[in-house]
N, C-alpha and C. Protein backbone atom coordinates (compact mmCIF):
# COMPACT_ATOMS: atom_id res chain seq x y z
N MET A 1 -100.32 79.27 -145.16
CA MET A 1 -100.50 79.92 -143.89
C MET A 1 -100.85 78.91 -142.80
N TYR A 2 -101.72 77.95 -143.12
CA TYR A 2 -102.09 76.93 -142.16
C TYR A 2 -100.86 76.11 -141.75
N THR A 3 -99.99 75.85 -142.70
CA THR A 3 -98.78 75.07 -142.42
C THR A 3 -97.90 75.79 -141.42
N MET A 4 -97.75 77.10 -141.55
CA MET A 4 -96.92 77.88 -140.63
C MET A 4 -97.51 77.85 -139.22
N ARG A 5 -98.82 77.93 -139.08
CA ARG A 5 -99.45 77.87 -137.76
C ARG A 5 -99.18 76.53 -137.08
N PHE A 6 -99.09 75.52 -137.85
CA PHE A 6 -98.82 74.19 -137.32
C PHE A 6 -97.32 73.98 -137.07
N LEU A 7 -96.50 74.45 -137.98
CA LEU A 7 -95.07 74.21 -137.91
C LEU A 7 -94.38 75.00 -136.80
N VAL A 8 -94.71 76.24 -136.60
CA VAL A 8 -94.03 77.07 -135.61
C VAL A 8 -94.17 76.48 -134.20
N PRO A 9 -95.37 76.16 -133.73
CA PRO A 9 -95.47 75.55 -132.40
C PRO A 9 -94.76 74.19 -132.32
N LEU A 10 -94.82 73.43 -133.40
CA LEU A 10 -94.15 72.14 -133.41
C LEU A 10 -92.64 72.30 -133.30
N LEU A 11 -92.07 73.21 -134.07
CA LEU A 11 -90.64 73.46 -134.00
C LEU A 11 -90.23 74.02 -132.63
N PHE A 12 -91.04 74.89 -132.08
CA PHE A 12 -90.74 75.45 -130.76
C PHE A 12 -90.75 74.35 -129.70
N SER A 13 -91.72 73.46 -129.76
CA SER A 13 -91.80 72.35 -128.81
C SER A 13 -90.60 71.42 -128.96
N LEU A 14 -90.21 71.16 -130.19
CA LEU A 14 -89.04 70.32 -130.44
C LEU A 14 -87.78 70.97 -129.89
N PHE A 15 -87.65 72.27 -130.09
CA PHE A 15 -86.50 73.02 -129.56
C PHE A 15 -86.44 72.92 -128.04
N LEU A 16 -87.57 73.12 -127.37
CA LEU A 16 -87.61 73.02 -125.91
C LEU A 16 -87.26 71.62 -125.42
N ALA A 17 -87.78 70.61 -126.11
CA ALA A 17 -87.49 69.23 -125.72
C ALA A 17 -86.01 68.92 -125.87
N LEU A 18 -85.41 69.36 -126.97
CA LEU A 18 -83.98 69.12 -127.18
C LEU A 18 -83.13 69.90 -126.17
N THR A 19 -83.50 71.14 -125.90
CA THR A 19 -82.77 71.94 -124.93
C THR A 19 -82.80 71.29 -123.56
N ASN A 20 -83.96 70.79 -123.17
CA ASN A 20 -84.10 70.13 -121.87
C ASN A 20 -83.26 68.84 -121.83
N ALA A 21 -83.26 68.07 -122.90
CA ALA A 21 -82.48 66.83 -122.94
C ALA A 21 -81.00 67.11 -122.86
N VAL A 22 -80.53 68.13 -123.56
CA VAL A 22 -79.11 68.48 -123.54
C VAL A 22 -78.72 68.99 -122.16
N THR A 23 -79.56 69.81 -121.55
CA THR A 23 -79.26 70.36 -120.22
C THR A 23 -79.18 69.25 -119.18
N GLN A 24 -80.07 68.27 -119.23
CA GLN A 24 -80.07 67.20 -118.24
C GLN A 24 -78.89 66.26 -118.40
N ASN A 25 -78.34 66.14 -119.59
CA ASN A 25 -77.23 65.23 -119.83
C ASN A 25 -75.91 65.97 -119.95
N GLN A 26 -75.87 67.20 -119.52
CA GLN A 26 -74.67 68.02 -119.65
C GLN A 26 -73.58 67.52 -118.73
N THR A 27 -72.37 67.46 -119.24
CA THR A 27 -71.21 67.06 -118.47
C THR A 27 -70.44 68.31 -118.07
N CYS A 28 -70.08 68.40 -116.83
CA CYS A 28 -69.35 69.54 -116.34
C CYS A 28 -67.92 69.50 -116.87
N VAL A 29 -67.45 70.59 -117.47
CA VAL A 29 -66.10 70.65 -117.99
C VAL A 29 -65.32 71.78 -117.35
N THR A 30 -65.85 72.37 -116.30
CA THR A 30 -65.15 73.44 -115.62
C THR A 30 -64.10 72.85 -114.69
N ALA A 31 -63.23 73.70 -114.24
CA ALA A 31 -62.17 73.26 -113.33
C ALA A 31 -62.80 72.70 -112.06
N PRO A 32 -62.27 71.62 -111.56
CA PRO A 32 -62.82 71.03 -110.35
C PRO A 32 -62.63 71.97 -109.16
N SER A 33 -63.55 71.91 -108.26
CA SER A 33 -63.40 72.73 -107.06
C SER A 33 -63.41 71.82 -105.84
N PRO A 34 -62.76 72.26 -104.78
CA PRO A 34 -62.70 71.41 -103.60
C PRO A 34 -64.01 71.44 -102.84
N VAL A 35 -64.13 70.50 -101.96
CA VAL A 35 -65.25 70.46 -101.05
C VAL A 35 -64.66 70.69 -99.66
N PRO A 36 -64.60 71.95 -99.22
CA PRO A 36 -64.02 72.19 -97.89
C PRO A 36 -64.81 71.44 -96.84
N THR A 37 -64.11 70.72 -96.01
CA THR A 37 -64.80 69.93 -95.00
C THR A 37 -64.55 70.45 -93.60
N LEU A 38 -63.51 71.26 -93.45
CA LEU A 38 -63.19 71.73 -92.11
C LEU A 38 -62.25 72.92 -92.19
N GLN A 39 -62.57 73.97 -91.50
CA GLN A 39 -61.65 75.11 -91.36
C GLN A 39 -61.22 75.12 -89.91
N GLN A 40 -59.97 74.79 -89.67
CA GLN A 40 -59.49 74.67 -88.31
C GLN A 40 -58.94 76.00 -87.81
N ALA A 41 -58.97 76.20 -86.52
CA ALA A 41 -58.51 77.44 -85.90
C ALA A 41 -56.99 77.56 -85.90
N ASN A 42 -56.29 76.48 -86.17
CA ASN A 42 -54.83 76.51 -86.10
C ASN A 42 -54.17 76.89 -87.42
N GLY A 43 -54.88 77.57 -88.28
CA GLY A 43 -54.30 78.01 -89.54
C GLY A 43 -54.23 76.92 -90.60
N CYS A 44 -55.12 75.96 -90.52
CA CYS A 44 -55.16 74.87 -91.50
C CYS A 44 -56.53 74.81 -92.16
N THR A 45 -56.59 74.24 -93.34
CA THR A 45 -57.86 73.97 -93.98
C THR A 45 -57.81 72.57 -94.57
N THR A 46 -58.90 71.84 -94.43
CA THR A 46 -58.99 70.47 -94.93
C THR A 46 -60.06 70.42 -95.99
N PHE A 47 -59.77 69.74 -97.07
CA PHE A 47 -60.70 69.67 -98.20
C PHE A 47 -60.43 68.41 -99.00
N SER A 48 -61.36 68.06 -99.88
CA SER A 48 -61.14 66.97 -100.82
C SER A 48 -61.37 67.52 -102.22
N VAL A 49 -60.88 66.81 -103.21
CA VAL A 49 -60.99 67.27 -104.59
C VAL A 49 -61.60 66.18 -105.46
N GLY A 50 -62.05 66.58 -106.63
CA GLY A 50 -62.63 65.65 -107.59
C GLY A 50 -61.60 65.15 -108.58
N PRO A 51 -62.02 64.27 -109.47
CA PRO A 51 -61.11 63.73 -110.48
C PRO A 51 -60.54 64.84 -111.36
N GLY A 52 -59.29 64.71 -111.71
CA GLY A 52 -58.65 65.66 -112.62
C GLY A 52 -58.04 66.86 -111.94
N THR A 53 -58.17 66.97 -110.63
CA THR A 53 -57.59 68.10 -109.92
C THR A 53 -56.10 67.86 -109.72
N GLY A 54 -55.30 68.83 -110.10
CA GLY A 54 -53.86 68.71 -109.95
C GLY A 54 -53.33 69.55 -108.81
N CYS A 55 -52.05 69.38 -108.53
CA CYS A 55 -51.42 70.11 -107.43
C CYS A 55 -51.36 71.62 -107.70
N ALA A 56 -51.22 72.02 -108.94
CA ALA A 56 -51.17 73.46 -109.22
C ALA A 56 -52.45 74.12 -108.72
N TRP A 57 -53.58 73.49 -108.97
CA TRP A 57 -54.85 74.04 -108.52
C TRP A 57 -54.96 73.97 -107.00
N MET A 58 -54.53 72.86 -106.41
CA MET A 58 -54.61 72.70 -104.96
C MET A 58 -53.74 73.73 -104.25
N CYS A 59 -52.55 73.99 -104.77
CA CYS A 59 -51.66 74.98 -104.15
C CYS A 59 -52.27 76.37 -104.24
N SER A 60 -52.88 76.67 -105.36
CA SER A 60 -53.55 77.96 -105.51
C SER A 60 -54.71 78.08 -104.51
N TYR A 61 -55.47 77.00 -104.35
CA TYR A 61 -56.58 76.99 -103.40
C TYR A 61 -56.08 77.25 -101.98
N CYS A 62 -55.02 76.55 -101.58
CA CYS A 62 -54.48 76.71 -100.22
C CYS A 62 -53.97 78.13 -100.00
N ALA A 63 -53.26 78.68 -100.97
CA ALA A 63 -52.75 80.04 -100.83
C ALA A 63 -53.90 81.02 -100.62
N ASN A 64 -54.98 80.84 -101.37
CA ASN A 64 -56.14 81.73 -101.22
C ASN A 64 -56.88 81.49 -99.92
N ALA A 65 -57.10 80.23 -99.57
CA ALA A 65 -57.85 79.90 -98.36
C ALA A 65 -57.11 80.33 -97.09
N LEU A 66 -55.78 80.19 -97.12
CA LEU A 66 -54.98 80.52 -95.93
C LEU A 66 -54.49 81.96 -95.93
N GLY A 67 -54.57 82.61 -97.08
CA GLY A 67 -54.13 84.00 -97.17
C GLY A 67 -52.62 84.17 -97.14
N THR A 68 -51.90 83.14 -97.57
CA THR A 68 -50.44 83.21 -97.56
C THR A 68 -49.87 82.25 -98.60
N ASN A 69 -48.67 82.55 -99.06
CA ASN A 69 -47.96 81.62 -99.94
C ASN A 69 -47.00 80.74 -99.14
N ASN A 70 -46.98 80.93 -97.83
CA ASN A 70 -46.09 80.17 -96.96
C ASN A 70 -46.94 79.12 -96.23
N TYR A 71 -47.10 77.96 -96.85
CA TYR A 71 -47.94 76.89 -96.30
C TYR A 71 -47.34 75.55 -96.70
N TYR A 72 -47.89 74.48 -96.15
CA TYR A 72 -47.44 73.12 -96.48
C TYR A 72 -48.62 72.17 -96.39
N PHE A 73 -48.51 71.04 -97.07
CA PHE A 73 -49.51 69.98 -96.97
C PHE A 73 -49.03 69.01 -95.90
N THR A 74 -49.92 68.64 -95.00
CA THR A 74 -49.53 67.78 -93.88
C THR A 74 -49.07 66.39 -94.33
N ASP A 75 -49.53 65.93 -95.48
CA ASP A 75 -49.13 64.61 -95.98
C ASP A 75 -48.18 64.72 -97.17
N ASN A 76 -47.72 65.92 -97.46
CA ASN A 76 -46.79 66.17 -98.58
C ASN A 76 -47.32 65.73 -99.93
N VAL A 77 -48.65 65.72 -100.12
CA VAL A 77 -49.22 65.31 -101.40
C VAL A 77 -48.74 66.23 -102.51
N CYS A 78 -48.56 67.50 -102.21
CA CYS A 78 -48.07 68.47 -103.18
C CYS A 78 -46.88 69.20 -102.58
N THR A 79 -45.87 69.41 -103.39
CA THR A 79 -44.70 70.16 -102.94
C THR A 79 -44.33 71.17 -104.01
N TYR A 80 -43.70 72.24 -103.59
CA TYR A 80 -43.29 73.26 -104.55
C TYR A 80 -41.89 72.95 -105.04
N GLN A 81 -41.74 72.88 -106.34
CA GLN A 81 -40.46 72.63 -106.98
C GLN A 81 -40.24 73.76 -107.99
N PRO A 82 -39.03 73.97 -108.44
CA PRO A 82 -38.83 74.99 -109.48
C PRO A 82 -39.78 74.73 -110.65
N GLY A 83 -40.53 75.71 -111.02
CA GLY A 83 -41.50 75.56 -112.10
C GLY A 83 -42.92 75.34 -111.63
N GLY A 84 -43.15 75.11 -110.34
CA GLY A 84 -44.52 74.99 -109.87
C GLY A 84 -44.73 73.94 -108.80
N CYS A 85 -45.97 73.77 -108.49
CA CYS A 85 -46.41 72.84 -107.45
C CYS A 85 -46.68 71.49 -108.10
N VAL A 86 -46.09 70.43 -107.56
CA VAL A 86 -46.22 69.11 -108.18
C VAL A 86 -46.63 68.05 -107.16
N GLY A 87 -47.20 66.97 -107.66
CA GLY A 87 -47.62 65.87 -106.82
C GLY A 87 -48.67 65.04 -107.53
N ASN A 88 -49.30 64.14 -106.80
CA ASN A 88 -50.28 63.24 -107.40
C ASN A 88 -51.50 63.09 -106.48
N PRO A 89 -52.35 64.12 -106.41
CA PRO A 89 -53.54 64.00 -105.54
C PRO A 89 -54.55 63.01 -106.10
N GLN A 90 -55.31 62.40 -105.20
CA GLN A 90 -56.34 61.43 -105.56
C GLN A 90 -57.72 62.01 -105.25
N ALA A 91 -58.67 61.73 -106.10
CA ALA A 91 -60.05 62.21 -105.90
C ALA A 91 -60.66 61.58 -104.66
N GLY A 92 -61.40 62.37 -103.91
CA GLY A 92 -62.12 61.89 -102.75
C GLY A 92 -61.31 61.76 -101.47
N VAL A 93 -60.03 61.98 -101.54
CA VAL A 93 -59.16 61.91 -100.35
C VAL A 93 -59.14 63.28 -99.70
N GLN A 94 -59.16 63.32 -98.38
CA GLN A 94 -59.07 64.60 -97.67
C GLN A 94 -57.61 65.03 -97.54
N TYR A 95 -57.36 66.28 -97.89
CA TYR A 95 -56.02 66.87 -97.80
C TYR A 95 -56.08 68.07 -96.89
N THR A 96 -55.01 68.31 -96.15
CA THR A 96 -54.93 69.44 -95.25
C THR A 96 -53.69 70.25 -95.59
N CYS A 97 -53.88 71.56 -95.69
CA CYS A 97 -52.74 72.46 -95.85
C CYS A 97 -52.78 73.44 -94.68
N CYS A 98 -51.60 73.82 -94.20
CA CYS A 98 -51.48 74.68 -93.03
C CYS A 98 -50.50 75.81 -93.29
N SER A 99 -50.76 76.94 -92.67
CA SER A 99 -49.81 78.06 -92.73
C SER A 99 -48.52 77.63 -92.03
N ALA A 100 -47.40 78.01 -92.61
CA ALA A 100 -46.11 77.67 -91.98
C ALA A 100 -45.74 78.70 -90.95
């Protein structure tokens, strides 16, 4: 009985310490999200993306942000081709998409 009184708090403390360590060192594995930097009045939105973000995600973001599927990227970073939106976006670069 004495062993259980000692062991339970010890195990609980160890569990909390491990949970805290895992939480602090957790790596985000969710889909990257943009950092909108400017919503312009002329039907455009400017944003940047993180590493691993592809054009398929960026095109979906622009369609939702602009409320239309008829848009374009001002620098042509992503273009629509048969089968989907393609291109090679870079992390940390600002991109602008505008309603057509």
